[in-house]
C-alpha atoms as a PDB file:
ATOM      1  CA  UNK A   1       5.696  16.513 -14.020  1.00  0.00           C
ATOM      2  CA  UNK A   2       8.236  15.230 -11.528  1.00  0.00           C
ATOM      3  CA  UNK A   3      11.893  14.538 -12.353  1.00  0.00           C
ATOM      4  CA  UNK A   4      13.106  11.210 -13.686  1.00  0.00           C
ATOM      5  CA  UNK A   5      13.322   8.457 -11.081  1.00  0.00           C
ATOM      6  CA  UNK A   6      16.456   6.892  -9.652  1.00  0.00           C
ATOM      7  CA  UNK A   7      15.845   3.230 -10.576  1.00  0.00           C
ATOM      8  CA  UNK A   8      16.809   3.641 -14.230  1.00  0.00           C
ATOM      9  CA  UNK A   9      13.330   3.206 -15.740  1.00  0.00           C
ATOM     10  CA  UNK A  10      10.884   5.627 -17.409  1.00  0.00           C
ATOM     11  CA  UNK A  11       9.129   6.195 -14.062  1.00  0.00           C
ATOM     12  CA  UNK A  12       9.338   9.501 -12.231  1.00  0.00           C
ATOM     13  CA  UNK A  13      10.922   9.900  -8.813  1.00  0.00           C
ATOM     14  CA  UNK A  14       7.644   9.455  -6.905  1.00  0.00           C
ATOM     15  CA  UNK A  15       6.861   6.177  -8.681  1.00  0.00           C
ATOM     16  CA  UNK A  16      10.332   4.950  -7.755  1.00  0.00           C
ATOM     17  CA  UNK A  17       9.817   6.002  -4.128  1.00  0.00           C
ATOM     18  CA  UNK A  18       6.482   4.161  -3.970  1.00  0.00           C
ATOM     19  CA  UNK A  19       8.060   0.954  -5.310  1.00  0.00           C
ATOM     20  CA  UNK A  20      11.009   1.178  -2.916  1.00  0.00           C
ATOM     21  CA  UNK A  21       8.682   1.992   0.005  1.00  0.00           C
ATOM     22  CA  UNK A  22       7.198  -1.496  -0.179  1.00  0.00           C
ATOM     23  CA  UNK A  23      10.608  -2.769   0.908  1.00  0.00           C
ATOM     24  CA  UNK A  24       9.996  -0.856   4.164  1.00  0.00           C
ATOM     25  CA  UNK A  25       6.220  -1.095   4.558  1.00  0.00           C
ATOM     26  CA  UNK A  26       5.828  -4.851   4.206  1.00  0.00           C
ATOM     27  CA  UNK A  27       8.533  -5.745   6.767  1.00  0.00           C
ATOM     28  CA  UNK A  28       7.131  -3.074   9.119  1.00  0.00           C
ATOM     29  CA  UNK A  29       3.689  -4.680   8.853  1.00  0.00           C
ATOM     30  CA  UNK A  30       5.218  -8.050   9.664  1.00  0.00           C
ATOM     31  CA  UNK A  31       7.080  -6.615  12.688  1.00  0.00           C
ATOM     32  CA  UNK A  32       3.869  -4.961  13.868  1.00  0.00           C
ATOM     33  CA  UNK A  33       2.003  -8.250  13.559  1.00  0.00           C
ATOM     34  CA  UNK A  34       4.740 -10.046  15.540  1.00  0.00           C
ATOM     35  CA  UNK A  35       4.549  -7.396  18.280  1.00  0.00           C
ATOM     36  CA  UNK A  36       0.808  -7.978  18.619  1.00  0.00           C
ATOM     37  CA  UNK A  37       1.365 -11.748  18.751  1.00  0.00           C
ATOM     38  CA  UNK A  38       3.887 -11.324  21.599  1.00  0.00           C
ATOM     39  CA  UNK A  39       1.589  -9.026  23.583  1.00  0.00           C
ATOM     40  CA  UNK A  40       3.358  -5.751  22.760  1.00  0.00           C
ATOM     41  CA  UNK A  41       0.098  -4.056  21.812  1.00  0.00           C
ATOM     42  CA  UNK A  42       1.362  -0.509  22.348  1.00  0.00           C
ATOM     43  CA  UNK A  43       4.187  -1.021  19.838  1.00  0.00           C
ATOM     44  CA  UNK A  44       1.743  -2.668  17.425  1.00  0.00           C
ATOM     45  CA  UNK A  45      -0.600   0.320  17.679  1.00  0.00           C
ATOM     46  CA  UNK A  46       2.182   2.903  17.210  1.00  0.00           C
ATOM     47  CA  UNK A  47       3.599   1.116  14.160  1.00  0.00           C
ATOM     48  CA  UNK A  48       0.153   0.729  12.579  1.00  0.00           C
ATOM     49  CA  UNK A  49      -0.908   4.333  13.184  1.00  0.00           C
ATOM     50  CA  UNK A  50       2.459   5.605  11.901  1.00  0.00           C
ATOM     51  CA  UNK A  51       2.268   3.440   8.771  1.00  0.00           C
ATOM     52  CA  UNK A  52      -1.321   4.546   8.253  1.00  0.00           C
ATOM     53  CA  UNK A  53      -0.378   8.243   8.428  1.00  0.00           C
ATOM     54  CA  UNK A  54       2.734   7.900   6.255  1.00  0.00           C
ATOM     55  CA  UNK A  55       0.921   5.830   3.631  1.00  0.00           C
ATOM     56  CA  UNK A  56      -2.032   8.239   3.588  1.00  0.00           C
ATOM     57  CA  UNK A  57       0.350  11.081   2.689  1.00  0.00           C
ATOM     58  CA  UNK A  58       2.202   8.894   0.156  1.00  0.00           C
ATOM     59  CA  UNK A  59      -1.035   7.831  -1.555  1.00  0.00           C
ATOM     60  CA  UNK A  60      -2.225  11.447  -1.680  1.00  0.00           C
ATOM     61  CA  UNK A  61       1.051  12.547  -3.312  1.00  0.00           C
ATOM     62  CA  UNK A  62       0.922   9.560  -5.657  1.00  0.00           C
ATOM     63  CA  UNK A  63      -2.626  10.438  -6.766  1.00  0.00           C
ATOM     64  CA  UNK A  64      -1.636  14.080  -7.356  1.00  0.00           C
ATOM     65  CA  UNK A  65       1.344  12.864  -9.417  1.00  0.00           C
ATOM     66  CA  UNK A  66      -0.913  10.592 -11.486  1.00  0.00           C
ATOM     67  CA  UNK A  67      -3.399  13.388 -12.155  1.00  0.00           C
ATOM     68  CA  UNK A  68      -0.689  15.932 -13.036  1.00  0.00           C
ATOM     69  CA  UNK A  69       0.871  13.404 -15.423  1.00  0.00           C
ATOM     70  CA  UNK A  70      -2.349  12.536 -17.240  1.00  0.00           C
ATOM     71  CA  UNK A  71      -3.033   9.215 -15.523  1.00  0.00           C
ATOM     72  CA  UNK A  72      -1.409   5.799 -15.432  1.00  0.00           C
ATOM     73  CA  UNK A  73      -2.221   5.019 -19.066  1.00  0.00           C
ATOM     74  CA  UNK A  74      -0.429   8.184 -20.159  1.00  0.00           C
ATOM     75  CA  UNK A  75       2.550   7.390 -17.953  1.00  0.00           C
ATOM     76  CA  UNK A  76       2.851   3.865 -19.360  1.00  0.00           C
ATOM     77  CA  UNK A  77       2.225   4.756 -23.030  1.00  0.00           C
ATOM     78  CA  UNK A  78       5.885   4.084 -23.963  1.00  0.00           C
ATOM     79  CA  UNK A  79       5.807   0.540 -22.583  1.00  0.00           C
ATOM     80  CA  UNK A  80       5.974  -2.290 -25.095  1.00  0.00           C
ATOM     81  CA  UNK A  81       2.880  -3.575 -23.258  1.00  0.00           C
ATOM     82  CA  UNK A  82       0.903  -0.300 -23.606  1.00  0.00           C
ATOM     83  CA  UNK A  83      -2.688  -0.995 -24.588  1.00  0.00           C
ATOM     84  CA  UNK A  84      -2.371  -4.751 -24.118  1.00  0.00           C
ATOM     85  CA  UNK A  85      -4.625  -6.912 -22.012  1.00  0.00           C
ATOM     86  CA  UNK A  86      -1.607  -7.812 -19.873  1.00  0.00           C
ATOM     87  CA  UNK A  87      -0.774  -4.239 -18.829  1.00  0.00           C
ATOM     88  CA  UNK A  88      -4.352  -2.961 -18.745  1.00  0.00           C
ATOM     89  CA  UNK A  89      -5.482  -5.995 -16.756  1.00  0.00           C
ATOM     90  CA  UNK A  90      -2.573  -5.526 -14.355  1.00  0.00           C
ATOM     91  CA  UNK A  91      -3.507  -1.875 -13.884  1.00  0.00           C
ATOM     92  CA  UNK A  92      -7.186  -2.558 -13.208  1.00  0.00           C
ATOM     93  CA  UNK A  93      -6.497  -5.540 -10.934  1.00  0.00           C
ATOM     94  CA  UNK A  94      -3.939  -3.511  -8.945  1.00  0.00           C
ATOM     95  CA  UNK A  95      -6.330  -0.557  -8.626  1.00  0.00           C
ATOM     96  CA  UNK A  96      -9.202  -2.780  -7.439  1.00  0.00           C
ATOM     97  CA  UNK A  97      -6.938  -4.569  -4.972  1.00  0.00           C
ATOM     98  CA  UNK A  98      -5.380  -1.377  -3.610  1.00  0.00           C
ATOM     99  CA  UNK A  99      -8.764   0.318  -3.174  1.00  0.00           C
ATOM    100  CA  UNK A 100     -10.302  -2.677  -1.391  1.00  0.00           C
ATOM    101  CA  UNK A 101      -7.217  -3.071   0.818  1.00  0.00           C
ATOM    102  CA  UNK A 102      -7.346   0.642   1.667  1.00  0.00           C
ATOM    103  CA  UNK A 103     -11.009   0.400   2.649  1.00  0.00           C
ATOM    104  CA  UNK A 104     -10.266  -2.594   4.895  1.00  0.00           C
ATOM    105  CA  UNK A 105      -7.296  -0.876   6.538  1.00  0.00           C
ATOM    106  CA  UNK A 106      -9.035   2.504   7.024  1.00  0.00           C
ATOM    107  CA  UNK A 107     -12.029   0.777   8.608  1.00  0.00           C
ATOM    108  CA  UNK A 108      -9.821  -1.383  10.830  1.00  0.00           C
ATOM    109  CA  UNK A 109      -7.716   1.536  12.087  1.00  0.00           C
ATOM    110  CA  UNK A 110     -10.723   3.753  12.849  1.00  0.00           C
ATOM    111  CA  UNK A 111     -12.751   1.025  14.561  1.00  0.00           C
ATOM    112  CA  UNK A 112      -9.715  -0.286  16.472  1.00  0.00           C
ATOM    113  CA  UNK A 113      -8.890   3.175  17.813  1.00  0.00           C
ATOM    114  CA  UNK A 114     -12.464   3.419  19.089  1.00  0.00           C
ATOM    115  CA  UNK A 115     -12.936  -0.099  20.476  1.00  0.00           C
ATOM    116  CA  UNK A 116      -9.612  -0.924  22.103  1.00  0.00           C
ATOM    117  CA  UNK A 117      -8.747   0.574  25.486  1.00  0.00           C
ATOM    118  CA  UNK A 118      -5.841   2.940  26.008  1.00  0.00           C
ATOM    119  CA  UNK A 119      -3.259   1.590  26.601  1.00  0.00           C
ATOM    120  CA  UNK A 120      -4.147  -1.149  24.103  1.00  0.00           C
ATOM    121  CA  UNK A 121      -5.074  -4.548  25.504  1.00  0.00           C
ATOM    122  CA  UNK A 122      -7.146  -7.530  24.368  1.00  0.00           C
ATOM    123  CA  UNK A 123     -10.858  -6.749  24.259  1.00  0.00           C
ATOM    124  CA  UNK A 124     -14.133  -8.035  22.818  1.00  0.00           C
ATOM    125  CA  UNK A 125     -13.121  -6.685  19.387  1.00  0.00           C
ATOM    126  CA  UNK A 126      -9.859  -8.696  19.336  1.00  0.00           C
ATOM    127  CA  UNK A 127     -11.136 -11.658  17.306  1.00  0.00           C
ATOM    128  CA  UNK A 128     -12.629  -9.429  14.607  1.00  0.00           C
ATOM    129  CA  UNK A 129      -9.508  -7.253  14.630  1.00  0.00           C
ATOM    130  CA  UNK A 130      -7.285 -10.277  14.143  1.00  0.00           C
ATOM    131  CA  UNK A 131      -9.360 -11.641  11.229  1.00  0.00           C
ATOM    132  CA  UNK A 132      -9.781  -8.330   9.430  1.00  0.00           C
ATOM    133  CA  UNK A 133      -6.129  -7.477  10.088  1.00  0.00           C
ATOM    134  CA  UNK A 134      -5.085 -10.725   8.430  1.00  0.00           C
ATOM    135  CA  UNK A 135      -7.173  -9.825   5.365  1.00  0.00           C
ATOM    136  CA  UNK A 136      -5.571  -6.372   5.341  1.00  0.00           C
ATOM    137  CA  UNK A 137      -2.045  -7.778   5.586  1.00  0.00           C
ATOM    138  CA  UNK A 138      -2.665 -10.227   2.755  1.00  0.00           C
ATOM    139  CA  UNK A 139      -4.184  -7.408   0.712  1.00  0.00           C
ATOM    140  CA  UNK A 140      -1.195  -5.165   1.393  1.00  0.00           C
ATOM    141  CA  UNK A 141       1.216  -7.920   0.389  1.00  0.00           C
ATOM    142  CA  UNK A 142      -0.681  -8.568  -2.836  1.00  0.00           C
ATOM    143  CA  UNK A 143      -0.895  -4.831  -3.510  1.00  0.00           C
ATOM    144  CA  UNK A 144       2.891  -4.654  -3.220  1.00  0.00           C
ATOM    145  CA  UNK A 145       3.394  -7.620  -5.536  1.00  0.00           C
ATOM    146  CA  UNK A 146       0.947  -6.330  -8.159  1.00  0.00           C
ATOM    147  CA  UNK A 147       2.411  -2.831  -7.851  1.00  0.00           C
ATOM    148  CA  UNK A 148       5.886  -4.143  -8.602  1.00  0.00           C
ATOM    149  CA  UNK A 149       4.498  -6.187 -11.511  1.00  0.00           C
ATOM    150  CA  UNK A 150       2.777  -3.067 -12.854  1.00  0.00           C
ATOM    151  CA  UNK A 151       5.969  -1.036 -12.430  1.00  0.00           C
ATOM    152  CA  UNK A 152       8.012  -3.613 -14.358  1.00  0.00           C
ATOM    153  CA  UNK A 153       5.462  -3.953 -17.189  1.00  0.00           C
ATOM    154  CA  UNK A 154       4.739  -0.238 -17.425  1.00  0.00           C
ATOM    155  CA  UNK A 155       8.099   1.401 -16.837  1.00  0.00           C
ATOM    156  CA  UNK A 156      10.877  -1.128 -17.347  1.00  0.00           C
ATOM    157  CA  UNK A 157       9.827  -2.638 -20.689  1.00  0.00           C
END
């Protein structure tokens, strides 16, 4: 079990770090998108690959923390919403959204690294990349919002 977090809730330090990280990740995704829109494809690629690597490590640590702690339902058992449709629905919706967003992003990064030239430049895959990337960005934004909602319901109240 990890030490108590720094945000003043029942969450441990890793949960707090994950919540705070969305304050960095979401703006970084937006900056990366803007760089691609202005033709700075190399910067876009570096930001995306860096975010991908950092988030892969963060998710791995987060999953280890969840397993060591007995799972999300165990961690949120002291919430006034524990066992309710509101909290349980929030958990399951967030999990489904985060898994589907992860699948989209993993696929997009792997395929993009294979199909775009080096240095990166527009190619035949650009239209698909743009569409799938938009889905991934929306998914990441919604994952952040539902994660914060889950944090508030599960650890603040």
